[in-house]
Amino acid sequence: MKHILIVDDEAGILNALQRLLRSAPCTYGNRSFPLAVSAFLSPRQALDSTASETYDLVISDYRMPEMDGVEFLKAVKQIQPDAARFILSGYADLNALTRAVNEVGIERFLGKPWNDYELLSAVGQALAHQELVLENRQLANLMRADLGDATPEQIERQRLEAMEPGITEVNWGPDGSVILDPEFRQKD
């Protein structure tokens, strides 16, 4: 199952997108993607959810009161770099589009109102592309291991870091203990 995060400050838009993504089949080629959808009115709450949930696709409104869509997707990219990213906007702003592509690497810029078929097609394409990228990365890692360019431990460390950034870093104390809070300073 593919997990999609939607952020928009308008409840009506969120409800329409959720209804569409949950009810319509999302297919690309001969592949079908069952979808789970999480929706948030607040970009800050949505960003908090990316720390505990893994998303395959993030769709964000461009104009929101707390932060704009580019700022939000930039923060999401830091936490979940493999998630595909879309911006949804009712405003055709070329500067915003350029900024979104250059700073965030969005997959698509979709206009409001959207065409249901085009939106579902874009979602299917993005999810299929994401699967290919991840599969290609896995095959490249297997080839590196076969060639001796990387050990299985290094490949596993990279895989874990991609899933949970920072998980392989250990902060050691002067006495050999593990420091869980990097802000903690031991007094001499």
N, C-alpha and C. Protein backbone atom coordinates (compact mmCIF):
# COMPACT_ATOMS: atom_id res chain seq x y z
N MET A 1 0.84 -1.18 0.00
CA MET A 1 0.00 0.00 0.00
C MET A 1 0.89 1.24 0.00
N LYS A 2 0.51 2.20 -0.82
CA LYS A 2 1.23 3.47 -0.91
C LYS A 2 0.57 4.49 0.01
N HIS A 3 1.41 5.28 0.68
CA HIS A 3 0.90 6.25 1.65
C HIS A 3 1.12 7.66 1.11
N ILE A 4 0.04 8.42 1.04
CA ILE A 4 0.08 9.78 0.51
C ILE A 4 -0.26 10.78 1.61
N LEU A 5 0.49 11.86 1.67
CA LEU A 5 0.25 12.96 2.60
C LEU A 5 -0.25 14.15 1.80
N ILE A 6 -1.37 14.73 2.24
CA ILE A 6 -1.92 15.92 1.58
C ILE A 6 -1.99 17.04 2.61
N VAL A 7 -1.55 18.24 2.19
CA VAL A 7 -1.61 19.42 3.06
C VAL A 7 -2.26 20.55 2.28
N ASP A 8 -3.33 21.09 2.86
CA ASP A 8 -3.99 22.25 2.27
C ASP A 8 -4.74 22.95 3.39
N ASP A 9 -4.72 24.27 3.40
CA ASP A 9 -5.39 25.01 4.47
C ASP A 9 -6.90 25.14 4.24
N GLU A 10 -7.41 24.60 3.15
CA GLU A 10 -8.85 24.62 2.88
C GLU A 10 -9.42 23.22 3.07
N ALA A 11 -10.35 23.08 4.03
CA ALA A 11 -10.93 21.77 4.35
C ALA A 11 -11.65 21.16 3.15
N GLY A 12 -12.31 21.97 2.35
CA GLY A 12 -13.03 21.45 1.19
C GLY A 12 -12.10 20.79 0.18
N ILE A 13 -10.96 21.40 -0.04
CA ILE A 13 -9.97 20.84 -0.97
C ILE A 13 -9.45 19.51 -0.42
N LEU A 14 -9.12 19.50 0.88
CA LEU A 14 -8.63 18.26 1.50
C LEU A 14 -9.65 17.13 1.37
N ASN A 15 -10.91 17.44 1.66
CA ASN A 15 -11.95 16.42 1.57
C ASN A 15 -12.11 15.89 0.16
N ALA A 16 -12.08 16.78 -0.83
CA ALA A 16 -12.22 16.36 -2.23
C ALA A 16 -11.05 15.47 -2.66
N LEU A 17 -9.85 15.86 -2.29
CA LEU A 17 -8.67 15.06 -2.65
C LEU A 17 -8.70 13.70 -1.96
N GLN A 18 -9.05 13.68 -0.68
CA GLN A 18 -9.13 12.41 0.04
C GLN A 18 -10.16 11.50 -0.61
N ARG A 19 -11.32 12.03 -0.89
CA ARG A 19 -12.39 11.24 -1.50
C ARG A 19 -11.93 10.66 -2.84
N LEU A 20 -11.30 11.49 -3.66
CA LEU A 20 -10.82 11.04 -4.97
C LEU A 20 -9.77 9.95 -4.84
N LEU A 21 -8.76 10.19 -4.00
CA LEU A 21 -7.65 9.23 -3.89
C LEU A 21 -8.05 7.93 -3.20
N ARG A 22 -9.03 7.98 -2.32
CA ARG A 22 -9.46 6.77 -1.63
C ARG A 22 -10.43 5.94 -2.46
N SER A 23 -11.18 6.58 -3.35
CA SER A 23 -12.23 5.85 -4.06
C SER A 23 -11.85 5.44 -5.47
N ALA A 24 -11.09 6.25 -6.17
CA ALA A 24 -10.75 5.94 -7.56
C ALA A 24 -9.51 5.05 -7.61
N PRO A 25 -9.49 4.12 -8.57
CA PRO A 25 -8.29 3.30 -8.69
C PRO A 25 -7.12 4.13 -9.24
N CYS A 26 -5.98 3.93 -8.66
CA CYS A 26 -4.78 4.63 -9.12
C CYS A 26 -3.91 3.61 -9.84
N THR A 27 -3.82 3.73 -11.15
CA THR A 27 -3.07 2.77 -11.95
C THR A 27 -2.10 3.50 -12.85
N TYR A 28 -1.05 2.78 -13.21
CA TYR A 28 -0.11 3.27 -14.21
C TYR A 28 0.37 2.07 -14.99
N GLY A 29 0.14 2.08 -16.30
CA GLY A 29 0.46 0.90 -17.10
C GLY A 29 -0.42 -0.24 -16.63
N ASN A 30 0.20 -1.36 -16.30
CA ASN A 30 -0.57 -2.50 -15.79
C ASN A 30 -0.46 -2.62 -14.28
N ARG A 31 0.03 -1.58 -13.61
CA ARG A 31 0.20 -1.58 -12.16
C ARG A 31 -0.93 -0.84 -11.50
N SER A 32 -1.38 -1.36 -10.38
CA SER A 32 -2.41 -0.70 -9.59
C SER A 32 -1.85 -0.42 -8.21
N PHE A 33 -2.10 0.76 -7.68
CA PHE A 33 -1.56 1.17 -6.40
C PHE A 33 -2.70 1.40 -5.41
N PRO A 34 -2.90 0.51 -4.41
CA PRO A 34 -3.85 0.84 -3.35
C PRO A 34 -3.26 1.96 -2.51
N LEU A 35 -4.12 2.92 -2.12
CA LEU A 35 -3.63 4.12 -1.46
C LEU A 35 -4.18 4.29 -0.05
N ALA A 36 -3.32 4.74 0.84
CA ALA A 36 -3.72 5.22 2.16
C ALA A 36 -3.44 6.72 2.13
N VAL A 37 -4.37 7.52 2.63
CA VAL A 37 -4.25 8.97 2.54
C VAL A 37 -4.31 9.59 3.94
N SER A 38 -3.33 10.44 4.25
CA SER A 38 -3.34 11.24 5.47
C SER A 38 -3.45 12.70 5.06
N ALA A 39 -4.36 13.44 5.70
CA ALA A 39 -4.59 14.83 5.30
C ALA A 39 -4.46 15.76 6.51
N PHE A 40 -3.88 16.94 6.25
CA PHE A 40 -3.66 17.92 7.31
C PHE A 40 -4.00 19.32 6.81
N LEU A 41 -4.62 20.10 7.67
CA LEU A 41 -4.89 21.50 7.37
C LEU A 41 -3.67 22.36 7.70
N SER A 42 -2.81 21.88 8.59
CA SER A 42 -1.65 22.63 9.05
C SER A 42 -0.36 22.01 8.52
N PRO A 43 0.48 22.80 7.84
CA PRO A 43 1.76 22.26 7.38
C PRO A 43 2.68 21.84 8.53
N ARG A 44 2.60 22.51 9.65
CA ARG A 44 3.45 22.15 10.80
C ARG A 44 3.06 20.78 11.35
N GLN A 45 1.76 20.52 11.47
CA GLN A 45 1.31 19.20 11.93
C GLN A 45 1.69 18.12 10.91
N ALA A 46 1.55 18.44 9.65
CA ALA A 46 1.92 17.48 8.60
C ALA A 46 3.41 17.18 8.66
N LEU A 47 4.22 18.21 8.88
CA LEU A 47 5.66 18.02 8.99
C LEU A 47 6.01 17.15 10.19
N ASP A 48 5.31 17.36 11.30
CA ASP A 48 5.52 16.52 12.48
C ASP A 48 5.22 15.05 12.16
N SER A 49 4.21 14.81 11.34
CA SER A 49 3.84 13.42 11.02
C SER A 49 4.91 12.73 10.18
N THR A 50 5.71 13.51 9.43
CA THR A 50 6.74 12.89 8.59
C THR A 50 7.88 12.30 9.42
N ALA A 51 7.96 12.69 10.69
CA ALA A 51 8.99 12.13 11.57
C ALA A 51 8.63 10.71 12.01
N SER A 52 7.33 10.39 12.00
CA SER A 52 6.91 9.07 12.48
C SER A 52 6.28 8.19 11.41
N GLU A 53 5.83 8.77 10.31
CA GLU A 53 5.20 8.02 9.22
C GLU A 53 6.04 8.17 7.96
N THR A 54 6.09 7.12 7.16
CA THR A 54 6.78 7.17 5.89
C THR A 54 5.75 7.40 4.79
N TYR A 55 6.02 8.38 3.94
CA TYR A 55 5.11 8.70 2.85
C TYR A 55 5.80 8.45 1.52
N ASP A 56 5.01 7.98 0.56
CA ASP A 56 5.52 7.76 -0.79
C ASP A 56 5.34 9.00 -1.66
N LEU A 57 4.31 9.79 -1.34
CA LEU A 57 4.01 11.00 -2.10
C LEU A 57 3.46 12.06 -1.15
N VAL A 58 3.92 13.29 -1.34
CA VAL A 58 3.43 14.42 -0.55
C VAL A 58 2.88 15.46 -1.52
N ILE A 59 1.61 15.83 -1.31
CA ILE A 59 0.95 16.85 -2.12
C ILE A 59 0.68 18.05 -1.22
N SER A 60 1.21 19.20 -1.61
CA SER A 60 1.06 20.40 -0.78
C SER A 60 0.47 21.55 -1.57
N ASP A 61 -0.42 22.28 -0.92
CA ASP A 61 -0.90 23.54 -1.47
C ASP A 61 0.30 24.50 -1.50
N TYR A 62 0.26 25.47 -2.41
CA TYR A 62 1.37 26.42 -2.47
C TYR A 62 1.20 27.53 -1.44
N ARG A 63 0.02 28.13 -1.38
CA ARG A 63 -0.20 29.27 -0.47
C ARG A 63 -0.93 28.80 0.78
N MET A 64 -0.20 28.83 1.90
CA MET A 64 -0.77 28.47 3.19
C MET A 64 -0.29 29.49 4.21
N PRO A 65 -1.05 29.72 5.28
CA PRO A 65 -0.69 30.77 6.23
C PRO A 65 0.58 30.50 7.05
N GLU A 66 0.84 29.28 7.47
CA GLU A 66 1.99 29.02 8.35
C GLU A 66 3.31 29.00 7.59
N MET A 67 3.30 28.41 6.42
CA MET A 67 4.48 28.35 5.55
C MET A 67 4.01 28.02 4.16
N ASP A 68 4.75 28.45 3.15
CA ASP A 68 4.30 28.13 1.80
C ASP A 68 4.70 26.70 1.43
N GLY A 69 4.15 26.23 0.33
CA GLY A 69 4.36 24.85 -0.09
C GLY A 69 5.81 24.51 -0.37
N VAL A 70 6.57 25.47 -0.90
CA VAL A 70 7.99 25.21 -1.18
C VAL A 70 8.76 25.00 0.11
N GLU A 71 8.53 25.86 1.10
CA GLU A 71 9.19 25.70 2.40
C GLU A 71 8.83 24.36 3.02
N PHE A 72 7.54 24.02 2.97
CA PHE A 72 7.07 22.76 3.55
C PHE A 72 7.73 21.57 2.86
N LEU A 73 7.72 21.55 1.53
CA LEU A 73 8.29 20.41 0.80
C LEU A 73 9.80 20.34 0.94
N LYS A 74 10.44 21.49 1.12
CA LYS A 74 11.89 21.50 1.36
C LYS A 74 12.19 20.80 2.70
N ALA A 75 11.39 21.09 3.71
CA ALA A 75 11.56 20.44 5.02
C ALA A 75 11.25 18.95 4.93
N VAL A 76 10.22 18.58 4.17
CA VAL A 76 9.89 17.16 3.99
C VAL A 76 11.04 16.44 3.28
N LYS A 77 11.62 17.09 2.30
CA LYS A 77 12.73 16.48 1.54
C LYS A 77 13.91 16.15 2.46
N GLN A 78 14.15 16.99 3.46
CA GLN A 78 15.23 16.73 4.43
C GLN A 78 14.94 15.48 5.25
N ILE A 79 13.67 15.27 5.58
CA ILE A 79 13.28 14.14 6.43
C ILE A 79 13.06 12.88 5.60
N GLN A 80 12.40 13.01 4.45
CA GLN A 80 12.07 11.87 3.60
C GLN A 80 12.45 12.18 2.15
N PRO A 81 13.73 12.05 1.84
CA PRO A 81 14.19 12.44 0.50
C PRO A 81 13.63 11.60 -0.64
N ASP A 82 13.17 10.39 -0.34
CA ASP A 82 12.66 9.52 -1.41
C ASP A 82 11.19 9.73 -1.72
N ALA A 83 10.49 10.53 -0.93
CA ALA A 83 9.07 10.78 -1.18
C ALA A 83 8.92 11.69 -2.41
N ALA A 84 8.01 11.33 -3.30
CA ALA A 84 7.70 12.19 -4.44
C ALA A 84 6.96 13.41 -3.91
N ARG A 85 7.09 14.55 -4.62
CA ARG A 85 6.52 15.79 -4.13
C ARG A 85 5.76 16.52 -5.24
N PHE A 86 4.52 16.93 -4.92
CA PHE A 86 3.67 17.72 -5.83
C PHE A 86 3.31 19.03 -5.15
N ILE A 87 3.14 20.07 -5.95
CA ILE A 87 2.56 21.32 -5.45
C ILE A 87 1.23 21.51 -6.18
N LEU A 88 0.23 21.89 -5.41
CA LEU A 88 -1.11 22.13 -5.92
C LEU A 88 -1.40 23.61 -5.67
N SER A 89 -1.78 24.34 -6.71
CA SER A 89 -2.00 25.77 -6.52
C SER A 89 -3.06 26.31 -7.47
N GLY A 90 -3.80 27.26 -6.98
CA GLY A 90 -4.78 27.96 -7.82
C GLY A 90 -4.16 29.18 -8.49
N TYR A 91 -2.90 29.42 -8.23
CA TYR A 91 -2.22 30.59 -8.77
C TYR A 91 -1.12 30.14 -9.72
N ALA A 92 -1.14 30.67 -10.93
CA ALA A 92 -0.11 30.33 -11.91
C ALA A 92 1.04 31.32 -11.75
N ASP A 93 1.91 31.05 -10.80
CA ASP A 93 3.02 31.94 -10.49
C ASP A 93 4.31 31.28 -10.99
N LEU A 94 4.89 31.84 -12.05
CA LEU A 94 6.08 31.27 -12.66
C LEU A 94 7.26 31.25 -11.69
N ASN A 95 7.39 32.29 -10.88
CA ASN A 95 8.48 32.32 -9.90
C ASN A 95 8.33 31.21 -8.87
N ALA A 96 7.10 30.96 -8.43
CA ALA A 96 6.85 29.89 -7.46
C ALA A 96 7.17 28.54 -8.08
N LEU A 97 6.77 28.35 -9.33
CA LEU A 97 7.04 27.10 -10.02
C LEU A 97 8.54 26.87 -10.18
N THR A 98 9.25 27.90 -10.59
CA THR A 98 10.70 27.80 -10.75
C THR A 98 11.37 27.48 -9.42
N ARG A 99 10.95 28.17 -8.37
CA ARG A 99 11.50 27.92 -7.03
C ARG A 99 11.22 26.49 -6.57
N ALA A 100 10.01 26.01 -6.82
CA ALA A 100 9.64 24.65 -6.41
C ALA A 100 10.47 23.61 -7.14
N VAL A 101 10.70 23.81 -8.41
CA VAL A 101 11.50 22.86 -9.18
C VAL A 101 12.96 22.91 -8.75
N ASN A 102 13.51 24.10 -8.63
CA ASN A 102 14.92 24.25 -8.31
C ASN A 102 15.28 23.89 -6.88
N GLU A 103 14.46 24.28 -5.92
CA GLU A 103 14.79 24.07 -4.52
C GLU A 103 14.31 22.73 -3.97
N VAL A 104 13.22 22.23 -4.50
CA VAL A 104 12.59 21.06 -3.90
C VAL A 104 12.61 19.86 -4.83
N GLY A 105 12.74 20.07 -6.12
CA GLY A 105 12.71 18.96 -7.05
C GLY A 105 11.33 18.32 -7.12
N ILE A 106 10.28 19.16 -7.25
CA ILE A 106 8.93 18.61 -7.30
C ILE A 106 8.75 17.79 -8.57
N GLU A 107 7.87 16.81 -8.47
CA GLU A 107 7.54 15.97 -9.63
C GLU A 107 6.54 16.69 -10.53
N ARG A 108 5.55 17.34 -9.90
CA ARG A 108 4.50 18.00 -10.66
C ARG A 108 4.03 19.27 -9.97
N PHE A 109 3.56 20.20 -10.79
CA PHE A 109 2.87 21.41 -10.34
C PHE A 109 1.47 21.29 -10.91
N LEU A 110 0.47 21.08 -10.04
CA LEU A 110 -0.90 20.86 -10.48
C LEU A 110 -1.75 22.09 -10.16
N GLY A 111 -2.61 22.46 -11.09
CA GLY A 111 -3.46 23.62 -10.89
C GLY A 111 -4.77 23.26 -10.22
N LYS A 112 -5.33 24.26 -9.54
CA LYS A 112 -6.68 24.15 -8.99
C LYS A 112 -7.59 24.96 -9.90
N PRO A 113 -8.73 24.49 -10.27
CA PRO A 113 -9.24 23.14 -10.02
C PRO A 113 -8.51 22.14 -10.90
N TRP A 114 -8.41 20.93 -10.42
CA TRP A 114 -7.69 19.89 -11.14
C TRP A 114 -8.67 19.01 -11.89
N ASN A 115 -8.13 18.32 -12.87
CA ASN A 115 -8.87 17.30 -13.59
C ASN A 115 -8.60 15.97 -12.87
N ASP A 116 -9.64 15.27 -12.44
CA ASP A 116 -9.47 14.05 -11.66
C ASP A 116 -8.59 13.03 -12.38
N TYR A 117 -8.85 12.82 -13.66
CA TYR A 117 -8.08 11.83 -14.41
C TYR A 117 -6.60 12.23 -14.46
N GLU A 118 -6.32 13.50 -14.71
CA GLU A 118 -4.92 13.95 -14.79
C GLU A 118 -4.23 13.83 -13.44
N LEU A 119 -4.94 14.15 -12.37
CA LEU A 119 -4.36 14.03 -11.03
C LEU A 119 -4.03 12.57 -10.72
N LEU A 120 -4.98 11.68 -10.96
CA LEU A 120 -4.74 10.26 -10.69
C LEU A 120 -3.62 9.70 -11.57
N SER A 121 -3.58 10.16 -12.81
CA SER A 121 -2.51 9.73 -13.71
C SER A 121 -1.15 10.21 -13.21
N ALA A 122 -1.07 11.46 -12.76
CA ALA A 122 0.18 12.01 -12.22
C ALA A 122 0.61 11.25 -10.97
N VAL A 123 -0.34 10.93 -10.10
CA VAL A 123 -0.03 10.16 -8.88
C VAL A 123 0.51 8.79 -9.26
N GLY A 124 -0.17 8.10 -10.19
CA GLY A 124 0.29 6.79 -10.63
C GLY A 124 1.68 6.84 -11.23
N GLN A 125 1.95 7.83 -12.07
CA GLN A 125 3.27 7.97 -12.67
C GLN A 125 4.34 8.22 -11.62
N ALA A 126 4.04 9.09 -10.67
CA ALA A 126 5.03 9.40 -9.62
C ALA A 126 5.32 8.17 -8.77
N LEU A 127 4.30 7.41 -8.41
CA LEU A 127 4.51 6.22 -7.59
C LEU A 127 5.27 5.14 -8.35
N ALA A 128 4.96 4.98 -9.64
CA ALA A 128 5.69 4.01 -10.47
C ALA A 128 7.15 4.43 -10.61
N HIS A 129 7.39 5.71 -10.83
CA HIS A 129 8.76 6.22 -10.96
C HIS A 129 9.53 6.02 -9.66
N GLN A 130 8.88 6.30 -8.53
CA GLN A 130 9.52 6.13 -7.24
C GLN A 130 9.93 4.66 -7.03
N GLU A 131 9.05 3.73 -7.38
CA GLU A 131 9.39 2.31 -7.24
C GLU A 131 10.59 1.95 -8.10
N LEU A 132 10.64 2.47 -9.32
CA LEU A 132 11.77 2.18 -10.20
C LEU A 132 13.08 2.74 -9.65
N VAL A 133 13.04 3.94 -9.11
CA VAL A 133 14.24 4.55 -8.53
C VAL A 133 14.74 3.73 -7.35
N LEU A 134 13.83 3.32 -6.47
CA LEU A 134 14.22 2.53 -5.30
C LEU A 134 14.75 1.15 -5.71
N GLU A 135 14.10 0.55 -6.69
CA GLU A 135 14.57 -0.75 -7.18
C GLU A 135 15.93 -0.62 -7.84
N ASN A 136 16.13 0.43 -8.61
CA ASN A 136 17.42 0.67 -9.26
C ASN A 136 18.52 0.86 -8.22
N ARG A 137 18.20 1.60 -7.14
CA ARG A 137 19.17 1.81 -6.06
C ARG A 137 19.55 0.48 -5.41
N GLN A 138 18.54 -0.36 -5.18
CA GLN A 138 18.79 -1.66 -4.56
C GLN A 138 19.66 -2.53 -5.47
N LEU A 139 19.38 -2.54 -6.77
CA LEU A 139 20.18 -3.32 -7.71
C LEU A 139 21.61 -2.79 -7.79
N ALA A 140 21.76 -1.46 -7.78
CA ALA A 140 23.10 -0.86 -7.81
C ALA A 140 23.88 -1.25 -6.55
N ASN A 141 23.21 -1.28 -5.40
CA ASN A 141 23.88 -1.68 -4.16
C ASN A 141 24.30 -3.14 -4.21
N LEU A 142 23.46 -4.00 -4.77
CA LEU A 142 23.84 -5.42 -4.92
C LEU A 142 25.05 -5.56 -5.84
N MET A 143 25.08 -4.77 -6.89
CA MET A 143 26.21 -4.82 -7.82
C MET A 143 27.48 -4.31 -7.13
N ARG A 144 27.38 -3.25 -6.32
CA ARG A 144 28.54 -2.76 -5.58
C ARG A 144 29.06 -3.82 -4.63
N ALA A 145 28.17 -4.54 -4.00
CA ALA A 145 28.57 -5.61 -3.08
C ALA A 145 29.26 -6.73 -3.85
N ASP A 146 28.71 -7.11 -5.00
CA ASP A 146 29.31 -8.16 -5.82
C ASP A 146 30.70 -7.77 -6.32
N LEU A 147 30.88 -6.49 -6.64
CA LEU A 147 32.16 -6.02 -7.14
C LEU A 147 33.16 -5.72 -6.02
N GLY A 148 32.69 -5.74 -4.79
CA GLY A 148 33.56 -5.46 -3.66
C GLY A 148 33.73 -3.98 -3.39
N ASP A 149 32.95 -3.13 -4.06
CA ASP A 149 33.04 -1.69 -3.84
C ASP A 149 32.37 -1.27 -2.54
N ALA A 150 31.49 -2.11 -2.02
CA ALA A 150 30.80 -1.81 -0.76
C ALA A 150 30.54 -3.13 -0.04
N THR A 151 30.62 -3.08 1.27
CA THR A 151 30.33 -4.28 2.06
C THR A 151 28.82 -4.35 2.30
N PRO A 152 28.31 -5.52 2.61
CA PRO A 152 26.88 -5.62 2.96
C PRO A 152 26.51 -4.72 4.14
N GLU A 153 27.45 -4.53 5.07
CA GLU A 153 27.19 -3.66 6.22
C GLU A 153 27.02 -2.21 5.77
N GLN A 154 27.85 -1.75 4.83
CA GLN A 154 27.73 -0.38 4.33
C GLN A 154 26.41 -0.19 3.58
N ILE A 155 26.02 -1.17 2.81
CA ILE A 155 24.76 -1.10 2.07
C ILE A 155 23.58 -1.06 3.03
N GLU A 156 23.62 -1.89 4.07
CA GLU A 156 22.54 -1.89 5.06
C GLU A 156 22.50 -0.56 5.82
N ARG A 157 23.66 0.00 6.13
CA ARG A 157 23.72 1.29 6.80
C ARG A 157 23.07 2.37 5.93
N GLN A 158 23.36 2.36 4.63
CA GLN A 158 22.76 3.33 3.71
C GLN A 158 21.24 3.14 3.64
N ARG A 159 20.79 1.89 3.62
CA ARG A 159 19.36 1.62 3.57
C ARG A 159 18.66 2.15 4.82
N LEU A 160 19.28 1.88 5.98
CA LEU A 160 18.70 2.36 7.24
C LEU A 160 18.70 3.88 7.32
N GLU A 161 19.75 4.52 6.86
CA GLU A 161 19.82 5.98 6.86
C GLU A 161 18.75 6.58 5.96
N ALA A 162 18.48 5.92 4.84
CA ALA A 162 17.44 6.41 3.94
C ALA A 162 16.07 6.33 4.61
N MET A 163 15.85 5.29 5.39
CA MET A 163 14.57 5.11 6.08
C MET A 163 14.44 6.03 7.29
N GLU A 164 15.52 6.12 8.07
CA GLU A 164 15.52 6.89 9.32
C GLU A 164 16.81 7.70 9.40
N PRO A 165 16.84 8.91 8.85
CA PRO A 165 18.08 9.69 8.87
C PRO A 165 18.63 9.86 10.30
N GLY A 166 19.92 9.61 10.45
CA GLY A 166 20.59 9.76 11.74
C GLY A 166 20.61 8.50 12.58
N ILE A 167 19.95 7.43 12.12
CA ILE A 167 19.83 6.23 12.94
C ILE A 167 21.17 5.51 13.13
N THR A 168 22.09 5.67 12.21
CA THR A 168 23.36 4.96 12.32
C THR A 168 24.44 5.78 13.02
N GLU A 169 24.11 7.00 13.42
CA GLU A 169 25.09 7.82 14.13
C GLU A 169 24.99 7.55 15.63
N VAL A 170 26.12 7.35 16.25
CA VAL A 170 26.17 7.10 17.69
C VAL A 170 27.05 8.17 18.33
N ASN A 171 26.52 8.81 19.36
CA ASN A 171 27.28 9.81 20.11
C ASN A 171 27.85 9.14 21.35
N TRP A 172 29.16 9.03 21.39
CA TRP A 172 29.83 8.37 22.51
C TRP A 172 30.28 9.39 23.53
N GLY A 173 30.11 9.05 24.78
CA GLY A 173 30.60 9.88 25.88
C GLY A 173 32.06 9.57 26.14
N PRO A 174 32.74 10.41 26.91
CA PRO A 174 34.16 10.20 27.19
C PRO A 174 34.42 8.90 27.98
N ASP A 175 33.41 8.43 28.68
CA ASP A 175 33.58 7.20 29.45
C ASP A 175 33.13 5.96 28.68
N GLY A 176 32.79 6.12 27.39
CA GLY A 176 32.37 4.98 26.58
C GLY A 176 30.87 4.76 26.58
N SER A 177 30.13 5.60 27.29
CA SER A 177 28.68 5.45 27.31
C SER A 177 28.10 6.07 26.03
N VAL A 178 26.86 5.68 25.72
CA VAL A 178 26.15 6.23 24.57
C VAL A 178 25.32 7.41 25.06
N ILE A 179 25.49 8.56 24.40
CA ILE A 179 24.74 9.76 24.76
C ILE A 179 23.54 9.84 23.82
N LEU A 180 22.34 9.74 24.38
CA LEU A 180 21.12 9.77 23.58
C LEU A 180 20.71 11.19 23.23
N ASP A 181 20.97 12.14 24.09
CA ASP A 181 20.62 13.53 23.85
C ASP A 181 21.90 14.29 23.51
N PRO A 182 22.08 14.71 22.24
CA PRO A 182 23.32 15.39 21.85
C PRO A 182 23.53 16.72 22.57
N GLU A 183 22.47 17.31 23.13
CA GLU A 183 22.59 18.56 23.87
C GLU A 183 23.12 18.35 25.28
N PHE A 184 23.09 17.08 25.72
CA PHE A 184 23.55 16.76 27.07
C PHE A 184 25.06 16.92 27.15
N ARG A 185 25.52 17.65 28.14
CA ARG A 185 26.95 17.84 28.36
C ARG A 185 27.28 17.30 29.75
N GLN A 186 28.25 16.42 29.80
CA GLN A 186 28.65 15.85 31.07
C GLN A 186 29.60 16.83 31.75
N LYS A 187 29.32 17.14 33.02
CA LYS A 187 30.16 18.09 33.76
C LYS A 187 31.34 17.34 34.37
N ASP A 188 32.51 17.94 34.26
CA ASP A 188 33.74 17.31 34.80
C ASP A 188 33.90 17.57 36.27
